[in-house]
Amino acid sequence: MYLSAISIQLEQNNAMFDLQSLTDSLITFRDQRNWKQFHDLKNLIISLHLETGELLELTQWKSEEQIAALQKDAHFQQDLKEECADVLHYLLLIAEQNGIDLIAAAQEKIAKNELRYPAEESYGSAAKYTALGANINTTATKKE
């Protein structure tokens, strides 16, 4: 058990280091172009939203079968990769500007969702936590 905990911690440290390195590279890229002046929170969030729209556009109006075929296409995979990278870049800039540790935030959200969506009540269901059984811990469902 102890070695497993060390392994998890090392993976978390490596992931954080990788996110931090990526953020540092992104900030260097931004600053070399004097773009920080355009990167207030509102504009970063708008840009994130626009990039998620471009990601969505890759599958818009396509059937599940068409999407499955596209997933095997190298050009589609390249477009998908680039749009995912754009989304990540804006997310990193938002987090950096606001002092958010994305790894910790994601772990906290998983823990919160564990309370909102107990496996025994949500297994196989797409229902929102508010529509699940009466045993849901309501203190874990409030927005923070």
Protein backbone atom coordinates (compact mmCIF):
# COMPACT_ATOMS: atom_id res chain seq x y z
CA MET A 1 0.00 0.00 0.00
CA TYR A 2 2.82 2.40 0.88
CA LEU A 3 4.55 1.89 -2.51
CA SER A 4 1.23 2.48 -4.26
CA ALA A 5 0.82 5.81 -2.44
CA ILE A 6 4.36 6.83 -3.44
CA SER A 7 3.63 5.87 -7.05
CA ILE A 8 0.43 7.96 -7.06
CA GLN A 9 2.30 10.92 -5.55
CA LEU A 10 5.06 10.64 -8.16
CA GLU A 11 2.48 10.52 -10.94
CA GLN A 12 0.78 13.60 -9.49
CA ASN A 13 4.09 15.43 -9.18
CA ASN A 14 5.03 14.55 -12.77
CA ALA A 15 1.63 15.65 -14.04
CA MET A 16 1.91 18.91 -12.12
CA PHE A 17 5.42 19.44 -13.38
CA ASP A 18 4.23 18.80 -16.92
CA LEU A 19 1.31 21.21 -16.53
CA GLN A 20 3.60 23.80 -15.00
CA SER A 21 6.17 23.40 -17.77
CA LEU A 22 3.46 23.71 -20.38
CA THR A 23 2.04 26.80 -18.66
CA ASP A 24 5.52 28.35 -18.49
CA SER A 25 6.05 27.70 -22.21
CA LEU A 26 2.67 29.17 -23.01
CA ILE A 27 3.37 32.30 -20.95
CA THR A 28 6.75 32.72 -22.65
CA PHE A 29 5.07 32.40 -26.05
CA ARG A 30 2.41 34.94 -25.00
CA ASP A 31 4.85 37.42 -23.52
CA GLN A 32 7.17 37.32 -26.53
CA ARG A 33 4.23 38.62 -28.57
CA ASN A 34 2.99 41.15 -26.00
CA TRP A 35 -0.40 39.43 -25.85
CA LYS A 36 -0.86 39.55 -22.07
CA GLN A 37 -2.66 42.86 -22.57
CA PHE A 38 -5.49 40.92 -24.26
CA HIS A 39 -5.66 38.15 -21.68
CA ASP A 40 -8.01 39.43 -19.01
CA LEU A 41 -10.29 36.83 -17.44
CA LYS A 42 -13.33 37.71 -19.55
CA ASN A 43 -11.45 37.40 -22.84
CA LEU A 44 -9.71 34.19 -21.81
CA ILE A 45 -13.06 32.62 -20.93
CA ILE A 46 -14.58 33.82 -24.20
CA SER A 47 -11.62 32.37 -26.09
CA LEU A 48 -11.95 29.07 -24.22
CA HIS A 49 -15.61 28.95 -25.19
CA LEU A 50 -14.82 29.72 -28.83
CA GLU A 51 -12.23 26.95 -28.93
CA THR A 52 -14.66 24.45 -27.42
CA GLY A 53 -17.05 25.48 -30.20
CA GLU A 54 -14.38 24.63 -32.77
CA LEU A 55 -13.95 21.27 -31.05
CA LEU A 56 -17.70 20.71 -31.19
CA GLU A 57 -17.80 21.70 -34.85
CA LEU A 58 -15.65 18.68 -35.70
CA THR A 59 -18.63 16.41 -35.00
CA GLN A 60 -21.53 18.74 -35.72
CA TRP A 61 -24.27 17.25 -37.93
CA LYS A 62 -22.52 13.89 -38.09
CA SER A 63 -24.03 10.54 -37.13
CA GLU A 64 -22.38 8.25 -34.59
CA GLU A 65 -21.25 6.06 -37.49
CA GLN A 66 -19.65 9.00 -39.29
CA ILE A 67 -17.88 10.07 -36.11
CA ALA A 68 -16.59 6.53 -35.53
CA ALA A 69 -15.19 6.52 -39.08
CA LEU A 70 -13.64 9.97 -38.58
CA GLN A 71 -11.83 8.78 -35.47
CA LYS A 72 -9.79 6.52 -37.74
CA ASP A 73 -8.91 9.37 -40.11
CA ALA A 74 -5.45 10.95 -39.68
CA HIS A 75 -6.59 14.42 -40.78
CA PHE A 76 -9.50 14.35 -38.32
CA GLN A 77 -7.20 13.17 -35.54
CA GLN A 78 -4.82 16.07 -36.27
CA ASP A 79 -7.69 18.58 -36.16
CA LEU A 80 -9.00 17.00 -32.95
CA LYS A 81 -5.56 17.14 -31.37
CA GLU A 82 -5.08 20.80 -32.28
CA GLU A 83 -8.50 21.86 -30.98
CA CYS A 84 -7.93 19.96 -27.72
CA ALA A 85 -4.58 21.73 -27.38
CA ASP A 86 -6.24 25.12 -27.92
CA VAL A 87 -8.80 24.35 -25.21
CA LEU A 88 -6.04 23.24 -22.83
CA HIS A 89 -3.97 26.36 -23.53
CA TYR A 90 -6.78 28.73 -22.59
CA LEU A 91 -7.66 26.65 -19.55
CA LEU A 92 -4.04 26.80 -18.38
CA LEU A 93 -3.94 30.57 -18.84
CA ILE A 94 -7.17 31.01 -16.87
CA ALA A 95 -5.89 28.78 -14.08
CA GLU A 96 -2.47 30.46 -13.96
CA GLN A 97 -3.97 33.94 -13.81
CA ASN A 98 -6.26 32.93 -10.95
CA GLY A 99 -3.91 30.74 -8.93
CA ILE A 100 -5.84 27.54 -9.60
CA ASP A 101 -4.01 24.24 -9.23
CA LEU A 102 -5.83 22.27 -11.92
CA ILE A 103 -4.69 18.88 -10.62
CA ALA A 104 -5.95 19.65 -7.11
CA ALA A 105 -9.16 21.20 -8.46
CA ALA A 106 -9.86 18.12 -10.59
CA GLN A 107 -9.20 15.80 -7.64
CA GLU A 108 -11.52 17.88 -5.43
CA LYS A 109 -14.23 17.77 -8.09
CA ILE A 110 -13.93 13.98 -8.40
CA ALA A 111 -14.32 13.67 -4.62
CA LYS A 112 -17.34 15.99 -4.69
CA ASN A 113 -18.90 13.97 -7.51
CA GLU A 114 -18.30 10.76 -5.56
CA LEU A 115 -20.73 12.19 -2.99
CA ARG A 116 -23.16 13.50 -5.59
CA TYR A 117 -23.22 10.30 -7.63
CA PRO A 118 -22.89 7.25 -5.36
CA ALA A 119 -22.19 4.23 -7.57
CA GLU A 120 -25.08 2.27 -6.09
CA GLU A 121 -27.54 5.03 -7.07
CA SER A 122 -26.06 6.30 -10.32
CA TYR A 123 -24.70 3.14 -11.94
CA GLY A 124 -25.77 3.07 -15.60
CA SER A 125 -27.84 6.24 -15.21
CA ALA A 126 -27.39 9.59 -16.97
CA ALA A 127 -29.62 11.31 -14.40
CA LYS A 128 -28.37 14.46 -12.71
CA TYR A 129 -27.56 14.05 -9.02
CA THR A 130 -30.67 16.03 -8.06
CA ALA A 131 -32.83 13.33 -9.68
CA LEU A 132 -31.13 10.41 -7.95
CA GLY A 133 -32.25 8.70 -4.74
CA ALA A 134 -33.05 10.57 -1.54
CA ASN A 135 -29.80 9.48 0.13
CA ILE A 136 -27.63 12.04 -1.68
CA ASN A 137 -25.56 14.24 0.62
CA THR A 138 -26.97 17.69 -0.18
CA THR A 139 -24.06 19.52 1.44
CA ALA A 140 -21.84 18.17 -1.32
CA THR A 141 -24.13 19.44 -4.06
CA LYS A 142 -24.04 23.17 -3.36
CA LYS A 143 -22.01 25.24 -5.80
CA GLU A 144 -18.97 26.77 -4.24
